[in-house]
Amino acid sequence: LASGQEGDGGLGYCLDEITSLTLCLEGSSLGYTLPYAIETCMRQGSIPAARQAKPDKMAAETRGKRRNQETEGCLTSDEVISMLVEMYAGEMCVFSNLGWWVNETLNYEAFYADVSTLTGVDVNFREDYMYQCIENKVAILADQYGGCQYDDMVTHLLESVLWMDCFKDKLQGSCMWKLDDYFNNYIYNSMPAGK
C-alpha cells in the first residue's frame, strides 16, 4: 500500500502492507489480527510477492486452456476448483487465520463481528454492497464462463473467493484515504506556527 508517488502531486510516502494495515485499523480488533494473519501466511508462502487482479487472471487462464469434454471453450468443474484454490490460496489462508473461512465455507457471523469494530475507516461491508461488488467481478468473467454450466460446489467457491477479493479491494481503497488524511494531518501539525 503506497501513496503520494512521484508525479501525482502527493506526499511521496510508501509503507509496507503490514505497517499500512496496522495504522489503518488501529483501535479495532482487526488492527492486530489482520496484519498478523497476513504475516503468518507470508511466512508460510501462501501469499506471493507479486499479485494480479484475480478475475482478469482467471479469464486469461481460461483462454489458455479452452477445453472440456462437453462444452467447447469451458473448463471442467475440477479445473475451475483447482484454479480458484491455487489463485486464492493467500486469501483463504488469511481468512482461515481470522476464523472467517471454516471447512471451505465463509463464516459470515465471525466476519461481521470483526468488521463491526472498525473505526475511522470509511468502508461499507453491508451484504448488498458486497454482492454488488461480486456481480461486477463476475461480469469480467462473463466472456469466458457465460455459456458454461457448473455445479453448486463451483458456484459456492467462486462466490466465496470473490467475497474475499471484494473485502480486500474495499479495505485497501478506504485505508488509502485514511492514511492520506493521517499523513496530511501529521505534516500539518508538525509545521512551525505561522508557516
N, C-alpha and C. Protein backbone atom coordinates (compact mmCIF):
# COMPACT_ATOMS: atom_id res chain seq x y z
N LEU A 1 0.87 -1.18 0.00
CA LEU A 1 0.00 0.00 0.00
C LEU A 1 0.90 1.22 0.00
N ALA A 2 0.79 2.04 -1.03
CA ALA A 2 1.63 3.21 -1.14
C ALA A 2 0.79 4.39 -1.55
N SER A 3 1.28 5.57 -1.25
CA SER A 3 0.56 6.76 -1.64
C SER A 3 1.55 7.86 -1.91
N GLY A 4 1.07 8.86 -2.69
CA GLY A 4 1.92 10.01 -2.93
C GLY A 4 3.13 9.69 -3.79
N GLN A 5 3.00 8.84 -4.78
CA GLN A 5 4.12 8.52 -5.63
C GLN A 5 4.52 9.73 -6.47
N GLU A 6 5.76 9.77 -6.90
CA GLU A 6 6.28 10.91 -7.64
C GLU A 6 5.44 11.18 -8.87
N GLY A 7 5.08 12.46 -9.07
CA GLY A 7 4.36 12.83 -10.27
C GLY A 7 2.86 12.96 -10.06
N ASP A 8 2.35 12.52 -8.91
CA ASP A 8 0.90 12.64 -8.72
C ASP A 8 0.55 13.78 -7.77
N GLY A 9 1.57 14.55 -7.38
CA GLY A 9 1.31 15.69 -6.50
C GLY A 9 1.12 15.30 -5.05
N GLY A 10 1.42 14.03 -4.71
CA GLY A 10 1.23 13.57 -3.34
C GLY A 10 2.45 13.84 -2.48
N LEU A 11 2.47 13.14 -1.34
CA LEU A 11 3.49 13.41 -0.34
C LEU A 11 4.75 12.59 -0.54
N GLY A 12 4.66 11.51 -1.32
CA GLY A 12 5.84 10.72 -1.58
C GLY A 12 6.18 9.72 -0.49
N TYR A 13 5.20 9.25 0.28
CA TYR A 13 5.48 8.26 1.31
C TYR A 13 5.09 6.88 0.80
N CYS A 14 5.72 5.86 1.37
CA CYS A 14 5.45 4.48 0.95
C CYS A 14 5.57 3.57 2.16
N LEU A 15 4.56 2.76 2.40
CA LEU A 15 4.54 1.87 3.55
C LEU A 15 4.33 0.44 3.09
N ASP A 16 4.92 -0.51 3.84
CA ASP A 16 4.65 -1.90 3.51
C ASP A 16 3.24 -2.25 3.99
N GLU A 17 2.73 -3.38 3.51
CA GLU A 17 1.33 -3.75 3.75
C GLU A 17 1.02 -3.92 5.23
N ILE A 18 1.92 -4.54 5.98
CA ILE A 18 1.67 -4.79 7.39
C ILE A 18 1.57 -3.47 8.16
N THR A 19 2.53 -2.56 7.93
CA THR A 19 2.53 -1.27 8.62
C THR A 19 1.29 -0.46 8.25
N SER A 20 0.94 -0.48 6.97
CA SER A 20 -0.23 0.26 6.50
C SER A 20 -1.50 -0.20 7.20
N LEU A 21 -1.69 -1.52 7.26
CA LEU A 21 -2.90 -2.06 7.88
C LEU A 21 -2.93 -1.79 9.37
N THR A 22 -1.77 -1.88 10.03
CA THR A 22 -1.71 -1.62 11.46
C THR A 22 -2.15 -0.19 11.77
N LEU A 23 -1.66 0.77 10.96
CA LEU A 23 -2.06 2.17 11.14
C LEU A 23 -3.53 2.37 10.80
N CYS A 24 -3.95 1.79 9.70
CA CYS A 24 -5.32 1.99 9.22
C CYS A 24 -6.35 1.41 10.17
N LEU A 25 -6.06 0.24 10.74
CA LEU A 25 -7.04 -0.48 11.54
C LEU A 25 -6.85 -0.27 13.04
N GLU A 26 -6.02 0.68 13.39
CA GLU A 26 -5.75 0.96 14.80
C GLU A 26 -7.05 1.21 15.56
N GLY A 27 -7.16 0.57 16.71
CA GLY A 27 -8.36 0.76 17.53
C GLY A 27 -9.42 -0.31 17.33
N SER A 28 -9.24 -1.18 16.35
CA SER A 28 -10.20 -2.27 16.11
C SER A 28 -9.52 -3.60 16.37
N SER A 29 -10.33 -4.65 16.51
CA SER A 29 -9.75 -5.98 16.73
C SER A 29 -8.91 -6.42 15.53
N LEU A 30 -9.29 -5.92 14.35
CA LEU A 30 -8.55 -6.28 13.13
C LEU A 30 -7.19 -5.60 13.06
N GLY A 31 -6.99 -4.55 13.88
CA GLY A 31 -5.71 -3.83 13.86
C GLY A 31 -4.54 -4.73 14.21
N TYR A 32 -4.81 -5.77 14.98
CA TYR A 32 -3.77 -6.75 15.32
C TYR A 32 -3.94 -8.03 14.52
N THR A 33 -5.16 -8.55 14.46
CA THR A 33 -5.35 -9.88 13.89
C THR A 33 -5.11 -9.96 12.39
N LEU A 34 -5.53 -8.92 11.63
CA LEU A 34 -5.36 -8.99 10.17
C LEU A 34 -3.89 -8.88 9.76
N PRO A 35 -3.13 -7.88 10.25
CA PRO A 35 -1.70 -7.85 9.90
C PRO A 35 -0.97 -9.13 10.31
N TYR A 36 -1.33 -9.67 11.50
CA TYR A 36 -0.68 -10.90 11.96
C TYR A 36 -1.03 -12.08 11.05
N ALA A 37 -2.29 -12.16 10.63
CA ALA A 37 -2.71 -13.25 9.74
C ALA A 37 -1.98 -13.17 8.41
N ILE A 38 -1.84 -11.95 7.87
CA ILE A 38 -1.13 -11.77 6.59
C ILE A 38 0.34 -12.15 6.75
N GLU A 39 0.94 -11.70 7.85
CA GLU A 39 2.35 -12.01 8.08
C GLU A 39 2.56 -13.51 8.21
N THR A 40 1.65 -14.18 8.91
CA THR A 40 1.74 -15.64 9.06
C THR A 40 1.66 -16.33 7.71
N CYS A 41 0.73 -15.91 6.88
CA CYS A 41 0.56 -16.55 5.56
C CYS A 41 1.74 -16.23 4.64
N MET A 42 2.34 -15.06 4.78
CA MET A 42 3.53 -14.73 4.00
C MET A 42 4.68 -15.66 4.38
N ARG A 43 4.83 -15.90 5.68
CA ARG A 43 5.91 -16.80 6.14
C ARG A 43 5.68 -18.22 5.62
N GLN A 44 4.42 -18.61 5.51
CA GLN A 44 4.09 -19.95 5.03
C GLN A 44 4.19 -20.07 3.51
N GLY A 45 4.35 -18.92 2.85
CA GLY A 45 4.46 -18.93 1.39
C GLY A 45 3.13 -18.95 0.68
N SER A 46 2.03 -18.71 1.40
CA SER A 46 0.70 -18.73 0.78
C SER A 46 0.41 -17.47 -0.01
N ILE A 47 1.10 -16.36 0.34
CA ILE A 47 0.88 -15.09 -0.34
C ILE A 47 2.10 -14.76 -1.19
N PRO A 48 1.95 -14.73 -2.52
CA PRO A 48 3.08 -14.41 -3.39
C PRO A 48 3.44 -12.94 -3.30
N ALA A 49 4.69 -12.62 -3.64
CA ALA A 49 5.15 -11.24 -3.58
C ALA A 49 4.42 -10.38 -4.61
N ALA A 50 4.21 -10.91 -5.80
CA ALA A 50 3.54 -10.16 -6.87
C ALA A 50 2.10 -10.64 -7.00
N ARG A 51 1.17 -9.69 -7.13
CA ARG A 51 -0.25 -10.05 -7.24
C ARG A 51 -0.84 -9.47 -8.50
N GLN A 52 -1.84 -10.13 -9.01
CA GLN A 52 -2.53 -9.68 -10.22
C GLN A 52 -4.02 -9.68 -9.93
N ALA A 53 -4.75 -8.77 -10.56
CA ALA A 53 -6.19 -8.74 -10.38
C ALA A 53 -6.76 -10.12 -10.72
N LYS A 54 -7.43 -10.75 -9.76
CA LYS A 54 -7.80 -12.16 -9.90
C LYS A 54 -8.80 -12.44 -11.02
N PRO A 55 -9.92 -11.71 -11.14
CA PRO A 55 -10.84 -12.02 -12.24
C PRO A 55 -10.19 -11.89 -13.61
N ASP A 56 -9.32 -10.89 -13.78
CA ASP A 56 -8.60 -10.74 -15.04
C ASP A 56 -7.68 -11.93 -15.28
N LYS A 57 -7.00 -12.37 -14.23
CA LYS A 57 -6.09 -13.50 -14.35
C LYS A 57 -6.86 -14.78 -14.65
N MET A 58 -8.03 -14.94 -14.02
CA MET A 58 -8.84 -16.13 -14.28
C MET A 58 -9.27 -16.19 -15.74
N ALA A 59 -9.66 -15.04 -16.30
CA ALA A 59 -10.06 -15.00 -17.70
C ALA A 59 -8.90 -15.39 -18.60
N ALA A 60 -7.71 -14.92 -18.26
CA ALA A 60 -6.52 -15.25 -19.06
C ALA A 60 -6.18 -16.73 -18.95
N GLU A 61 -6.28 -17.28 -17.74
CA GLU A 61 -6.02 -18.70 -17.53
C GLU A 61 -6.99 -19.55 -18.36
N THR A 62 -8.25 -19.14 -18.39
CA THR A 62 -9.26 -19.90 -19.12
C THR A 62 -8.99 -19.87 -20.61
N ARG A 63 -8.62 -18.69 -21.12
CA ARG A 63 -8.32 -18.59 -22.56
C ARG A 63 -7.18 -19.53 -22.94
N GLY A 64 -6.28 -19.80 -21.99
CA GLY A 64 -5.13 -20.65 -22.28
C GLY A 64 -5.48 -22.13 -22.28
N LYS A 65 -6.64 -22.51 -21.76
CA LYS A 65 -6.97 -23.94 -21.65
C LYS A 65 -8.04 -24.37 -22.64
N ARG A 66 -9.13 -23.61 -22.75
CA ARG A 66 -10.15 -23.83 -23.78
C ARG A 66 -10.47 -25.30 -24.06
N ARG A 67 -10.84 -26.04 -23.06
CA ARG A 67 -11.19 -27.43 -23.35
C ARG A 67 -12.21 -27.96 -22.35
N ASN A 68 -13.02 -28.85 -22.80
CA ASN A 68 -13.99 -29.55 -21.96
C ASN A 68 -14.59 -30.66 -22.82
N GLN A 69 -14.85 -31.79 -22.18
CA GLN A 69 -15.40 -32.89 -22.95
C GLN A 69 -16.80 -32.57 -23.45
N GLU A 70 -17.53 -31.70 -22.74
CA GLU A 70 -18.93 -31.46 -23.08
C GLU A 70 -19.14 -30.14 -23.80
N THR A 71 -18.51 -29.06 -23.31
CA THR A 71 -18.77 -27.73 -23.86
C THR A 71 -17.46 -27.10 -24.31
N GLU A 72 -17.34 -26.85 -25.60
CA GLU A 72 -16.10 -26.28 -26.13
C GLU A 72 -15.84 -24.91 -25.51
N GLY A 73 -14.63 -24.69 -25.07
CA GLY A 73 -14.25 -23.41 -24.51
C GLY A 73 -14.44 -23.31 -23.01
N CYS A 74 -15.00 -24.33 -22.37
CA CYS A 74 -15.23 -24.31 -20.93
C CYS A 74 -14.23 -25.21 -20.22
N LEU A 75 -13.85 -24.82 -19.03
CA LEU A 75 -13.05 -25.69 -18.17
C LEU A 75 -13.98 -26.65 -17.46
N THR A 76 -13.46 -27.78 -17.04
CA THR A 76 -14.25 -28.71 -16.23
C THR A 76 -14.40 -28.13 -14.83
N SER A 77 -15.33 -28.66 -14.08
CA SER A 77 -15.53 -28.20 -12.70
C SER A 77 -14.26 -28.40 -11.87
N ASP A 78 -13.62 -29.54 -12.04
CA ASP A 78 -12.38 -29.81 -11.29
C ASP A 78 -11.29 -28.81 -11.65
N GLU A 79 -11.21 -28.44 -12.92
CA GLU A 79 -10.21 -27.46 -13.34
C GLU A 79 -10.47 -26.09 -12.73
N VAL A 80 -11.74 -25.69 -12.70
CA VAL A 80 -12.09 -24.40 -12.12
C VAL A 80 -11.77 -24.38 -10.62
N ILE A 81 -12.14 -25.46 -9.92
CA ILE A 81 -11.88 -25.54 -8.48
C ILE A 81 -10.38 -25.48 -8.21
N SER A 82 -9.60 -26.25 -8.96
CA SER A 82 -8.15 -26.25 -8.77
C SER A 82 -7.56 -24.86 -9.02
N MET A 83 -8.05 -24.18 -10.06
CA MET A 83 -7.56 -22.86 -10.39
C MET A 83 -7.89 -21.86 -9.28
N LEU A 84 -9.13 -21.92 -8.77
CA LEU A 84 -9.53 -20.99 -7.71
C LEU A 84 -8.75 -21.23 -6.43
N VAL A 85 -8.58 -22.49 -6.06
CA VAL A 85 -7.84 -22.82 -4.83
C VAL A 85 -6.40 -22.34 -4.93
N GLU A 86 -5.78 -22.53 -6.10
CA GLU A 86 -4.40 -22.08 -6.29
C GLU A 86 -4.31 -20.56 -6.31
N MET A 87 -5.22 -19.93 -7.01
CA MET A 87 -5.17 -18.49 -7.21
C MET A 87 -5.49 -17.71 -5.93
N TYR A 88 -6.38 -18.26 -5.12
CA TYR A 88 -6.81 -17.57 -3.90
C TYR A 88 -6.26 -18.22 -2.64
N ALA A 89 -5.16 -18.93 -2.76
CA ALA A 89 -4.57 -19.59 -1.59
C ALA A 89 -4.22 -18.59 -0.50
N GLY A 90 -3.72 -17.43 -0.88
CA GLY A 90 -3.35 -16.41 0.10
C GLY A 90 -4.56 -15.89 0.85
N GLU A 91 -5.62 -15.56 0.12
CA GLU A 91 -6.84 -15.06 0.75
C GLU A 91 -7.46 -16.11 1.66
N MET A 92 -7.47 -17.37 1.20
CA MET A 92 -8.03 -18.44 2.02
C MET A 92 -7.22 -18.61 3.30
N CYS A 93 -5.91 -18.49 3.20
CA CYS A 93 -5.04 -18.61 4.36
C CYS A 93 -5.34 -17.51 5.36
N VAL A 94 -5.42 -16.27 4.89
CA VAL A 94 -5.70 -15.13 5.78
C VAL A 94 -7.08 -15.27 6.42
N PHE A 95 -8.10 -15.56 5.61
CA PHE A 95 -9.46 -15.70 6.15
C PHE A 95 -9.53 -16.86 7.15
N SER A 96 -8.79 -17.93 6.89
CA SER A 96 -8.77 -19.07 7.79
C SER A 96 -8.15 -18.68 9.13
N ASN A 97 -7.04 -17.94 9.09
CA ASN A 97 -6.38 -17.49 10.31
C ASN A 97 -7.26 -16.55 11.13
N LEU A 98 -8.15 -15.83 10.45
CA LEU A 98 -9.06 -14.91 11.12
C LEU A 98 -10.33 -15.60 11.63
N GLY A 99 -10.51 -16.86 11.25
CA GLY A 99 -11.73 -17.58 11.60
C GLY A 99 -12.89 -17.28 10.69
N TRP A 100 -12.59 -16.69 9.53
CA TRP A 100 -13.64 -16.32 8.57
C TRP A 100 -13.84 -17.40 7.50
N TRP A 101 -12.94 -18.35 7.40
CA TRP A 101 -13.02 -19.41 6.38
C TRP A 101 -12.88 -20.74 7.11
N VAL A 102 -14.01 -21.42 7.31
CA VAL A 102 -14.04 -22.64 8.11
C VAL A 102 -14.69 -23.75 7.29
N ASN A 103 -13.97 -24.87 7.15
CA ASN A 103 -14.49 -26.01 6.38
C ASN A 103 -14.94 -25.58 4.99
N GLU A 104 -14.11 -24.75 4.34
CA GLU A 104 -14.35 -24.28 2.97
C GLU A 104 -15.66 -23.50 2.85
N THR A 105 -16.02 -22.82 3.92
CA THR A 105 -17.24 -22.01 3.93
C THR A 105 -16.95 -20.70 4.66
N LEU A 106 -17.48 -19.59 4.13
CA LEU A 106 -17.31 -18.31 4.79
C LEU A 106 -18.13 -18.27 6.08
N ASN A 107 -17.48 -17.82 7.15
CA ASN A 107 -18.15 -17.65 8.43
C ASN A 107 -18.58 -16.18 8.52
N TYR A 108 -19.78 -15.90 8.03
CA TYR A 108 -20.25 -14.52 7.96
C TYR A 108 -20.42 -13.89 9.35
N GLU A 109 -20.81 -14.70 10.32
CA GLU A 109 -21.01 -14.19 11.68
C GLU A 109 -19.69 -13.66 12.24
N ALA A 110 -18.63 -14.44 12.09
CA ALA A 110 -17.32 -14.01 12.58
C ALA A 110 -16.81 -12.81 11.78
N PHE A 111 -17.04 -12.83 10.47
CA PHE A 111 -16.61 -11.72 9.62
C PHE A 111 -17.23 -10.41 10.08
N TYR A 112 -18.55 -10.39 10.23
CA TYR A 112 -19.23 -9.15 10.59
C TYR A 112 -18.96 -8.74 12.03
N ALA A 113 -18.70 -9.71 12.90
CA ALA A 113 -18.33 -9.37 14.28
C ALA A 113 -17.03 -8.59 14.30
N ASP A 114 -16.08 -8.99 13.45
CA ASP A 114 -14.78 -8.31 13.40
C ASP A 114 -14.86 -6.96 12.69
N VAL A 115 -15.50 -6.91 11.53
CA VAL A 115 -15.52 -5.65 10.78
C VAL A 115 -16.37 -4.60 11.49
N SER A 116 -17.26 -5.04 12.39
CA SER A 116 -18.08 -4.07 13.13
C SER A 116 -17.23 -3.26 14.09
N THR A 117 -16.01 -3.71 14.40
CA THR A 117 -15.14 -2.98 15.33
C THR A 117 -14.30 -1.91 14.63
N LEU A 118 -14.39 -1.83 13.30
CA LEU A 118 -13.59 -0.86 12.56
C LEU A 118 -14.03 0.55 12.92
N THR A 119 -13.06 1.42 13.15
CA THR A 119 -13.35 2.82 13.45
C THR A 119 -12.49 3.71 12.55
N GLY A 120 -13.07 4.80 12.09
CA GLY A 120 -12.30 5.75 11.29
C GLY A 120 -11.98 5.28 9.89
N VAL A 121 -12.58 4.19 9.46
CA VAL A 121 -12.36 3.67 8.10
C VAL A 121 -13.69 3.74 7.37
N ASP A 122 -13.75 4.57 6.35
CA ASP A 122 -15.00 4.79 5.62
C ASP A 122 -15.20 3.70 4.59
N VAL A 123 -15.69 2.57 5.06
CA VAL A 123 -15.91 1.44 4.16
C VAL A 123 -17.19 0.73 4.59
N ASN A 124 -17.96 0.29 3.62
CA ASN A 124 -19.23 -0.36 3.91
C ASN A 124 -19.18 -1.81 3.43
N PHE A 125 -19.22 -2.72 4.39
CA PHE A 125 -19.21 -4.14 4.06
C PHE A 125 -20.62 -4.73 4.14
N ARG A 126 -21.63 -3.85 4.03
CA ARG A 126 -23.01 -4.34 4.07
C ARG A 126 -23.20 -5.40 2.99
N GLU A 127 -24.02 -6.37 3.27
CA GLU A 127 -24.14 -7.54 2.42
C GLU A 127 -24.52 -7.19 0.98
N ASP A 128 -25.46 -6.25 0.79
CA ASP A 128 -25.86 -5.92 -0.57
C ASP A 128 -24.73 -5.22 -1.33
N TYR A 129 -23.90 -4.44 -0.63
CA TYR A 129 -22.75 -3.80 -1.26
C TYR A 129 -21.73 -4.86 -1.71
N MET A 130 -21.54 -5.85 -0.85
CA MET A 130 -20.56 -6.90 -1.18
C MET A 130 -21.03 -7.71 -2.39
N TYR A 131 -22.32 -8.03 -2.43
CA TYR A 131 -22.82 -8.82 -3.57
C TYR A 131 -22.80 -8.01 -4.87
N GLN A 132 -22.97 -6.70 -4.77
CA GLN A 132 -22.85 -5.87 -5.96
C GLN A 132 -21.42 -5.91 -6.48
N CYS A 133 -20.47 -5.87 -5.56
CA CYS A 133 -19.06 -5.98 -5.93
C CYS A 133 -18.78 -7.33 -6.60
N ILE A 134 -19.35 -8.39 -6.04
CA ILE A 134 -19.17 -9.73 -6.61
C ILE A 134 -19.74 -9.79 -8.03
N GLU A 135 -20.93 -9.22 -8.22
CA GLU A 135 -21.55 -9.20 -9.55
C GLU A 135 -20.66 -8.47 -10.56
N ASN A 136 -20.04 -7.38 -10.13
CA ASN A 136 -19.14 -6.64 -11.02
C ASN A 136 -17.95 -7.48 -11.43
N LYS A 137 -17.43 -8.27 -10.50
CA LYS A 137 -16.28 -9.12 -10.81
C LYS A 137 -16.69 -10.30 -11.70
N VAL A 138 -17.89 -10.83 -11.46
CA VAL A 138 -18.39 -11.92 -12.30
C VAL A 138 -18.55 -11.45 -13.74
N ALA A 139 -18.93 -10.18 -13.91
CA ALA A 139 -19.10 -9.63 -15.26
C ALA A 139 -17.80 -9.69 -16.05
N ILE A 140 -16.66 -9.56 -15.35
CA ILE A 140 -15.36 -9.64 -16.02
C ILE A 140 -15.15 -11.04 -16.61
N LEU A 141 -15.73 -12.03 -15.95
CA LEU A 141 -15.56 -13.42 -16.37
C LEU A 141 -16.61 -13.88 -17.38
N ALA A 142 -17.58 -13.02 -17.65
CA ALA A 142 -18.74 -13.44 -18.45
C ALA A 142 -18.35 -13.95 -19.83
N ASP A 143 -17.38 -13.29 -20.47
CA ASP A 143 -16.99 -13.71 -21.82
C ASP A 143 -16.44 -15.12 -21.85
N GLN A 144 -15.77 -15.52 -20.75
CA GLN A 144 -15.15 -16.83 -20.72
C GLN A 144 -16.06 -17.91 -20.13
N TYR A 145 -16.93 -17.52 -19.19
CA TYR A 145 -17.72 -18.50 -18.46
C TYR A 145 -19.23 -18.39 -18.72
N GLY A 146 -19.64 -17.39 -19.50
CA GLY A 146 -21.06 -17.13 -19.68
C GLY A 146 -21.86 -18.32 -20.17
N GLY A 147 -21.29 -19.12 -21.06
CA GLY A 147 -22.02 -20.25 -21.59
C GLY A 147 -21.71 -21.56 -20.90
N CYS A 148 -20.99 -21.51 -19.80
CA CYS A 148 -20.57 -22.73 -19.11
C CYS A 148 -21.52 -23.06 -17.96
N GLN A 149 -21.75 -24.33 -17.74
CA GLN A 149 -22.61 -24.79 -16.67
C GLN A 149 -21.77 -25.50 -15.61
N TYR A 150 -21.90 -25.05 -14.35
CA TYR A 150 -21.13 -25.65 -13.27
C TYR A 150 -22.05 -26.01 -12.10
N ASP A 151 -21.59 -26.94 -11.27
CA ASP A 151 -22.42 -27.38 -10.15
C ASP A 151 -22.34 -26.37 -8.99
N ASP A 152 -23.11 -26.65 -7.96
CA ASP A 152 -23.20 -25.74 -6.82
C ASP A 152 -21.86 -25.57 -6.11
N MET A 153 -21.02 -26.60 -6.13
CA MET A 153 -19.73 -26.52 -5.45
C MET A 153 -18.86 -25.42 -6.07
N VAL A 154 -18.85 -25.36 -7.41
CA VAL A 154 -18.08 -24.33 -8.11
C VAL A 154 -18.66 -22.95 -7.84
N THR A 155 -19.98 -22.85 -7.95
CA THR A 155 -20.64 -21.56 -7.71
C THR A 155 -20.36 -21.05 -6.30
N HIS A 156 -20.45 -21.94 -5.33
CA HIS A 156 -20.20 -21.58 -3.93
C HIS A 156 -18.76 -21.10 -3.73
N LEU A 157 -17.82 -21.83 -4.30
CA LEU A 157 -16.41 -21.47 -4.14
C LEU A 157 -16.10 -20.15 -4.83
N LEU A 158 -16.64 -19.96 -6.04
CA LEU A 158 -16.41 -18.72 -6.77
C LEU A 158 -16.96 -17.53 -6.00
N GLU A 159 -18.17 -17.66 -5.49
CA GLU A 159 -18.78 -16.56 -4.72
C GLU A 159 -17.94 -16.26 -3.47
N SER A 160 -17.43 -17.30 -2.84
CA SER A 160 -16.64 -17.13 -1.62
C SER A 160 -15.33 -16.40 -1.88
N VAL A 161 -14.61 -16.80 -2.93
CA VAL A 161 -13.32 -16.16 -3.18
C VAL A 161 -13.49 -14.74 -3.70
N LEU A 162 -14.58 -14.49 -4.42
CA LEU A 162 -14.83 -13.12 -4.88
C LEU A 162 -15.24 -12.23 -3.71
N TRP A 163 -15.89 -12.80 -2.70
CA TRP A 163 -16.18 -12.05 -1.47
C TRP A 163 -14.85 -11.63 -0.83
N MET A 164 -13.90 -12.55 -0.78
CA MET A 164 -12.58 -12.24 -0.24
C MET A 164 -11.91 -11.12 -1.03
N ASP A 165 -12.04 -11.21 -2.35
CA ASP A 165 -11.45 -10.21 -3.23
C ASP A 165 -12.08 -8.84 -2.99
N CYS A 166 -13.41 -8.82 -2.83
CA CYS A 166 -14.11 -7.55 -2.59
C CYS A 166 -13.73 -6.96 -1.24
N PHE A 167 -13.59 -7.80 -0.24
CA PHE A 167 -13.16 -7.31 1.07
C PHE A 167 -11.81 -6.62 0.96
N LYS A 168 -10.89 -7.27 0.28
CA LYS A 168 -9.53 -6.72 0.13
C LYS A 168 -9.56 -5.41 -0.65
N ASP A 169 -10.30 -5.37 -1.75
CA ASP A 169 -10.38 -4.15 -2.56
C ASP A 169 -10.97 -2.98 -1.77
N LYS A 170 -12.08 -3.24 -1.07
CA LYS A 170 -12.75 -2.17 -0.33
C LYS A 170 -11.88 -1.67 0.82
N LEU A 171 -11.24 -2.59 1.52
CA LEU A 171 -10.41 -2.18 2.65
C LEU A 171 -9.19 -1.39 2.20
N GLN A 172 -8.54 -1.86 1.14
CA GLN A 172 -7.35 -1.16 0.65
C GLN A 172 -7.69 0.25 0.18
N GLY A 173 -8.82 0.38 -0.53
CA GLY A 173 -9.22 1.70 -1.01
C GLY A 173 -9.51 2.65 0.13
N SER A 174 -10.21 2.16 1.16
CA SER A 174 -10.54 3.01 2.30
C SER A 174 -9.31 3.35 3.13
N CYS A 175 -8.41 2.38 3.27
CA CYS A 175 -7.19 2.64 4.03
C CYS A 175 -6.32 3.69 3.33
N MET A 176 -6.32 3.68 2.02
CA MET A 176 -5.55 4.67 1.28
C MET A 176 -5.99 6.08 1.66
N TRP A 177 -7.30 6.29 1.68
CA TRP A 177 -7.82 7.61 2.04
C TRP A 177 -7.51 7.94 3.49
N LYS A 178 -7.66 6.96 4.38
CA LYS A 178 -7.39 7.22 5.80
C LYS A 178 -5.93 7.58 6.02
N LEU A 179 -5.03 6.87 5.36
CA LEU A 179 -3.60 7.15 5.53
C LEU A 179 -3.21 8.49 4.92
N ASP A 180 -3.86 8.86 3.81
CA ASP A 180 -3.64 10.19 3.25
C ASP A 180 -3.97 11.27 4.30
N ASP A 181 -5.15 11.12 4.94
CA ASP A 181 -5.56 12.07 5.97
C ASP A 181 -4.59 12.04 7.15
N TYR A 182 -4.17 10.85 7.52
CA TYR A 182 -3.26 10.68 8.66
C TYR A 182 -1.96 11.44 8.43
N PHE A 183 -1.37 11.25 7.26
CA PHE A 183 -0.09 11.90 6.99
C PHE A 183 -0.25 13.39 6.71
N ASN A 184 -1.34 13.78 6.08
CA ASN A 184 -1.58 15.21 5.87
C ASN A 184 -1.70 15.93 7.21
N ASN A 185 -2.45 15.35 8.14
CA ASN A 185 -2.60 15.95 9.47
C ASN A 185 -1.29 15.95 10.23
N TYR A 186 -0.53 14.86 10.09
CA TYR A 186 0.76 14.77 10.78
C TYR A 186 1.71 15.86 10.31
N ILE A 187 1.78 16.04 9.00
CA ILE A 187 2.68 17.06 8.45
C ILE A 187 2.21 18.46 8.81
N TYR A 188 0.89 18.67 8.73
CA TYR A 188 0.34 19.99 9.08
C TYR A 188 0.63 20.34 10.53
N ASN A 189 0.43 19.36 11.42
CA ASN A 189 0.64 19.63 12.85
C ASN A 189 2.12 19.74 13.20
N SER A 190 2.99 19.22 12.32
CA SER A 190 4.43 19.28 12.57
C SER A 190 5.06 20.56 12.08
N MET A 191 4.34 21.32 11.28
CA MET A 191 4.88 22.56 10.73
C MET A 191 4.97 23.63 11.80
N PRO A 192 6.04 24.44 11.77
CA PRO A 192 6.16 25.54 12.74
C PRO A 192 4.99 26.50 12.60
N ALA A 193 4.59 27.09 13.68
CA ALA A 193 3.47 28.05 13.67
C ALA A 193 3.76 29.18 12.72
N GLY A 194 2.75 29.60 11.96
CA GLY A 194 2.90 30.73 11.05
C GLY A 194 3.30 30.36 9.66
N LYS A 195 3.61 29.04 9.42
CA LYS A 195 4.00 28.60 8.08
C LYS A 195 2.78 28.38 7.21
